[in-house]
Amino acid sequence: MSGALEARKIPSSPNKIKANVQGVIEAPDGVLKITKISCHYMLKIPKGKREAAERALSVFDQACPVSQTLKGAIAFEHTWDIMEY
């Protein structure tokens, strides 16, 4: 995600991105497996960069190696809160 933000001239460090990630574990066929991952991001961005940040967030998983590797096997949910400074 930080690469997508940096490409739009939105700093991602230090301490500009935090994430809360939770997984759902189920046993649909009697074997435990992760079926869903929910990622909630909290971003601090400069004023006037909200539209660019929202565009980056809406497409970043298309270039995320983890998301692309697990696509079809695990459902992903991405949400975010954006605070401008």
Foldseek 3Di string as FASTA:
>chain_A
DQVQCVVVVWHDDDVFKDKDKDWDWDQPPPDIDTAEIEIEMEGETAPPCVVSVVVSQVCVLVVDPVSVVCPPPHHYHYHYDYHHD
